[in-house]
Each structure stands twice: as C-alpha cells, then as structure tokens.
C-alpha cells in the first residue's frame, strides 16, 4: 500500500511538473512560491489590521506570527527529519525527467512542505479570525495558499502529497490558533 501511494505521488508529480508545463506558468510559478514575492501582501495584512482594528491589531498579528512559528517548527523540525523523504529535485530516480525551475533545491526533507504548512496555517487563521471582516473574500486566502502549494510542485521542489500533507497540517494548526485567539480575544470586527 505504501509503495502504491509513493507511485501515485510520483505519477501526480509528473502530471504537474511536466505535462502541465507551459511558458506562462514557467514564468510565474517560481515567483508564486517565493515568500519575498508575497511581502507586499503580508505588509498589507498588517497595515489593514492596524488601520481597521487598532486595539486588537498587535495581538492579532502576534497570534498570526505564533501560528507561522508553530507551523514551521513542526513541519521543518519534526516531520521532515521524521520522514526523511527526498525532494523530487534531489531524487536520483527523477534526475532525467524533472523540470527544476528554481536555482535552489533544499537539502532538508520533502514531507511536509513548509511552504504549504506555513501558508495554510496563515490562511486558515485569517479565514477564521477575520470572517466578519472580509466575509466571502476570506476564501481568497485559501486560494492563495493553494496556488503556493501548486507552485511548489510545478517548479519541482515538492511532491503533491508533500503539499497536501502540509496543507492539512497547516490548516489544523491555523484552526487551533484561531480557536484559541477567538476564545481569548473574541471576534474581530472593523471599528
């Protein structure tokens, strides 16, 4: 069963990394998976909080940072060493077929994707804590995290199950931190 899952993961990786390739995605996906590309969004979120709910902004931002700290620590320092899975870009079986679209292939493990874990943690935390602020637009954060996950596979640095595992882990942590935040601080509403 385990081998069948690994084979399915490699097959899905081939679909995303090779068969779905096109010049447009080749030009944008390396940016989408780069955290520095998203700095304006992170800054916007922080400034939005400061401007729209100044009394709770510092605590809210602190909880969001705590969410990322927890997601990153668990993904990078627990799951990756525990599973020790090679990234696709380091896997000798895929050396002849992989399309690596970034100049760096991490040497740490592949499962779970820290990008996926961190961004789904943030997305779910925002989704749950700002539900009364952005309403249906909150779903854009889930879409944002999903695009980052897709980009991780597309550029060749993670397998699909790495990002799915990261999305589940990050969503679970984001759910927990948002639940604790709401119990302690109540709902966020624009003043």
Protein backbone atom coordinates (compact mmCIF):
# COMPACT_ATOMS: atom_id res chain seq x y z
CA UNK A 1 0.00 0.00 0.00
CA UNK A 2 2.78 2.43 0.94
CA UNK A 3 4.58 1.78 -2.36
CA UNK A 4 1.32 2.37 -4.24
CA UNK A 5 0.94 5.78 -2.55
CA UNK A 6 4.53 6.71 -3.41
CA UNK A 7 3.99 5.62 -7.01
CA UNK A 8 0.77 7.64 -7.21
CA UNK A 9 2.58 10.66 -5.77
CA UNK A 10 5.34 10.38 -8.39
CA UNK A 11 2.75 9.99 -11.13
CA UNK A 12 0.86 13.11 -9.98
CA UNK A 13 4.15 14.97 -9.72
CA UNK A 14 4.87 14.12 -13.36
CA UNK A 15 1.50 15.48 -14.42
CA UNK A 16 2.02 18.81 -12.65
CA UNK A 17 5.77 19.23 -13.23
CA UNK A 18 5.96 18.01 -16.82
CA UNK A 19 2.62 17.51 -18.55
CA UNK A 20 1.04 20.73 -17.26
CA UNK A 21 4.09 22.77 -18.21
CA UNK A 22 3.61 25.87 -20.30
CA UNK A 23 5.57 29.10 -20.83
CA UNK A 24 3.13 31.23 -18.81
CA UNK A 25 3.33 29.01 -15.70
CA UNK A 26 7.08 28.67 -16.21
CA UNK A 27 7.38 32.44 -15.87
CA UNK A 28 5.07 32.99 -12.87
CA UNK A 29 5.27 29.86 -10.68
CA UNK A 30 8.83 30.49 -9.43
CA UNK A 31 7.61 33.86 -8.12
CA UNK A 32 4.46 32.45 -6.53
CA UNK A 33 6.43 30.05 -4.36
CA UNK A 34 8.91 32.73 -3.28
CA UNK A 35 7.97 34.21 0.13
CA UNK A 36 9.59 37.54 -0.77
CA UNK A 37 7.15 37.92 -3.67
CA UNK A 38 4.35 38.00 -1.12
CA UNK A 39 5.93 40.64 1.18
CA UNK A 40 3.54 43.36 -0.10
CA UNK A 41 0.59 41.12 0.82
CA UNK A 42 1.99 40.44 4.30
CA UNK A 43 2.57 44.16 4.78
CA UNK A 44 -0.95 44.94 3.54
CA UNK A 45 -2.46 42.47 6.02
CA UNK A 46 -0.56 44.02 8.92
CA UNK A 47 -1.41 47.59 7.89
CA UNK A 48 -5.03 46.60 7.30
CA UNK A 49 -5.19 45.24 10.85
CA UNK A 50 -3.56 48.33 12.37
CA UNK A 51 -5.88 50.67 10.49
CA UNK A 52 -9.15 48.74 10.87
CA UNK A 53 -8.93 47.24 14.36
CA UNK A 54 -6.11 49.11 16.12
CA UNK A 55 -6.96 47.87 19.64
CA UNK A 56 -6.57 44.22 18.68
CA UNK A 57 -4.09 44.54 15.79
CA UNK A 58 -0.89 43.88 17.76
CA UNK A 59 -2.36 40.84 19.50
CA UNK A 60 -3.85 39.54 16.25
CA UNK A 61 -0.56 39.96 14.35
CA UNK A 62 1.25 38.30 17.26
CA UNK A 63 -1.06 35.28 17.05
CA UNK A 64 -0.56 35.12 13.29
CA UNK A 65 3.23 35.13 13.81
CA UNK A 66 2.83 32.48 16.50
CA UNK A 67 0.85 30.39 14.01
CA UNK A 68 3.71 30.56 11.49
CA UNK A 69 6.29 29.79 14.18
CA UNK A 70 4.37 26.67 15.20
CA UNK A 71 3.70 25.50 11.64
CA UNK A 72 7.30 25.99 10.60
CA UNK A 73 8.74 24.32 13.70
CA UNK A 74 6.52 21.25 13.37
CA UNK A 75 6.99 20.90 9.61
CA UNK A 76 10.72 21.65 9.44
CA UNK A 77 11.98 20.26 12.72
CA UNK A 78 9.64 17.34 13.35
CA UNK A 79 8.04 15.98 10.18
CA UNK A 80 10.92 16.46 7.73
CA UNK A 81 13.52 14.70 9.93
CA UNK A 82 10.98 12.04 10.92
CA UNK A 83 10.11 11.07 7.34
CA UNK A 84 13.45 11.92 5.69
CA UNK A 85 11.87 11.91 2.25
CA UNK A 86 13.97 13.22 -0.63
CA UNK A 87 12.65 16.18 -2.54
CA UNK A 88 11.88 15.46 -6.20
CA UNK A 89 14.79 17.70 -7.24
CA UNK A 90 17.17 15.55 -5.13
CA UNK A 91 15.67 12.20 -6.11
CA UNK A 92 18.03 10.21 -8.38
CA UNK A 93 15.07 8.31 -9.88
CA UNK A 94 13.71 11.57 -11.29
CA UNK A 95 17.02 13.18 -12.32
CA UNK A 96 16.39 12.66 -16.05
CA UNK A 97 12.79 13.82 -16.12
CA UNK A 98 12.35 16.60 -13.56
CA UNK A 99 11.93 20.21 -14.56
CA UNK A 100 13.57 22.29 -11.82
CA UNK A 101 12.55 25.90 -12.34
CA UNK A 102 14.34 27.42 -9.35
CA UNK A 103 18.06 27.75 -8.70
CA UNK A 104 17.97 26.06 -5.32
CA UNK A 105 16.75 22.66 -4.20
CA UNK A 106 16.61 22.43 -0.43
CA UNK A 107 18.62 19.71 1.25
CA UNK A 108 16.10 19.25 4.05
CA UNK A 109 13.29 16.75 3.73
CA UNK A 110 10.33 16.94 1.45
CA UNK A 111 7.44 15.86 3.69
CA UNK A 112 5.74 18.05 4.75
CA UNK A 113 6.19 21.13 2.62
CA UNK A 114 6.92 24.01 4.98
CA UNK A 115 5.62 26.49 2.40
CA UNK A 116 2.30 24.64 2.35
CA UNK A 117 2.18 24.24 6.12
CA UNK A 118 3.01 27.88 6.83
CA UNK A 119 0.73 29.41 4.23
CA UNK A 120 -2.25 27.21 5.05
CA UNK A 121 -1.67 28.00 8.72
CA UNK A 122 -1.84 31.72 7.93
CA UNK A 123 -4.76 31.30 5.53
CA UNK A 124 -6.93 29.35 7.97
CA UNK A 125 -6.02 31.65 10.85
CA UNK A 126 -7.07 34.69 8.79
CA UNK A 127 -10.12 32.87 7.42
CA UNK A 128 -11.39 32.10 10.89
CA UNK A 129 -10.48 35.29 12.72
CA UNK A 130 -11.48 37.80 10.03
CA UNK A 131 -14.65 36.05 8.90
CA UNK A 132 -16.77 39.02 9.97
CA UNK A 133 -14.39 41.47 8.31
CA UNK A 134 -13.97 40.02 4.82
CA UNK A 135 -16.85 37.57 4.59
CA UNK A 136 -16.74 35.56 1.36
CA UNK A 137 -13.49 37.24 0.33
CA UNK A 138 -11.79 35.20 3.06
CA UNK A 139 -11.81 32.27 0.61
CA UNK A 140 -9.16 34.14 -1.38
CA UNK A 141 -6.66 33.28 1.36
CA UNK A 142 -7.35 29.57 0.88
CA UNK A 143 -6.93 30.04 -2.88
CA UNK A 144 -3.67 31.95 -2.24
CA UNK A 145 -2.25 29.12 -0.13
CA UNK A 146 -3.38 26.57 -2.75
CA UNK A 147 -1.60 28.44 -5.54
CA UNK A 148 1.61 28.43 -3.48
CA UNK A 149 1.23 24.67 -2.99
CA UNK A 150 0.70 24.10 -6.71
CA UNK A 151 3.77 26.23 -7.46
CA UNK A 152 5.90 24.11 -5.13
CA UNK A 153 5.09 21.02 -7.16
CA UNK A 154 5.20 22.79 -10.53
CA UNK A 155 8.76 24.12 -10.01
CA UNK A 156 9.99 20.68 -8.91
CA UNK A 157 10.77 21.09 -5.21
CA UNK A 158 7.91 19.04 -3.68
CA UNK A 159 5.68 16.09 -4.44
CA UNK A 160 1.89 16.58 -4.38
CA UNK A 161 1.46 14.59 -1.14
CA UNK A 162 4.10 16.83 0.50
CA UNK A 163 1.95 19.89 -0.10
CA UNK A 164 -1.30 18.08 0.71
CA UNK A 165 0.21 16.91 4.00
CA UNK A 166 1.47 20.43 4.63
CA UNK A 167 -1.94 21.90 3.84
CA UNK A 168 -3.64 19.54 6.29
CA UNK A 169 -1.04 20.19 9.00
CA UNK A 170 -1.08 23.96 8.48
CA UNK A 171 -4.88 24.11 8.37
CA UNK A 172 -5.08 22.14 11.62
CA UNK A 173 -2.63 24.45 13.37
CA UNK A 174 -4.30 27.56 11.93
CA UNK A 175 -7.64 26.24 13.15
CA UNK A 176 -6.27 25.67 16.67
CA UNK A 177 -4.54 29.04 16.97
CA UNK A 178 -7.60 30.84 15.57
CA UNK A 179 -9.85 28.99 18.03
CA UNK A 180 -7.61 29.96 20.97
CA UNK A 181 -7.41 33.53 19.71
CA UNK A 182 -11.19 33.84 19.41
CA UNK A 183 -11.77 32.35 22.86
CA UNK A 184 -9.31 34.77 24.40
CA UNK A 185 -9.87 37.92 22.34
CA UNK A 186 -13.32 37.49 20.83
CA UNK A 187 -14.25 38.23 17.24
CA UNK A 188 -12.55 40.85 15.12
CA UNK A 189 -14.82 43.50 13.69
CA UNK A 190 -13.96 46.71 11.89
CA UNK A 191 -14.36 49.77 14.07
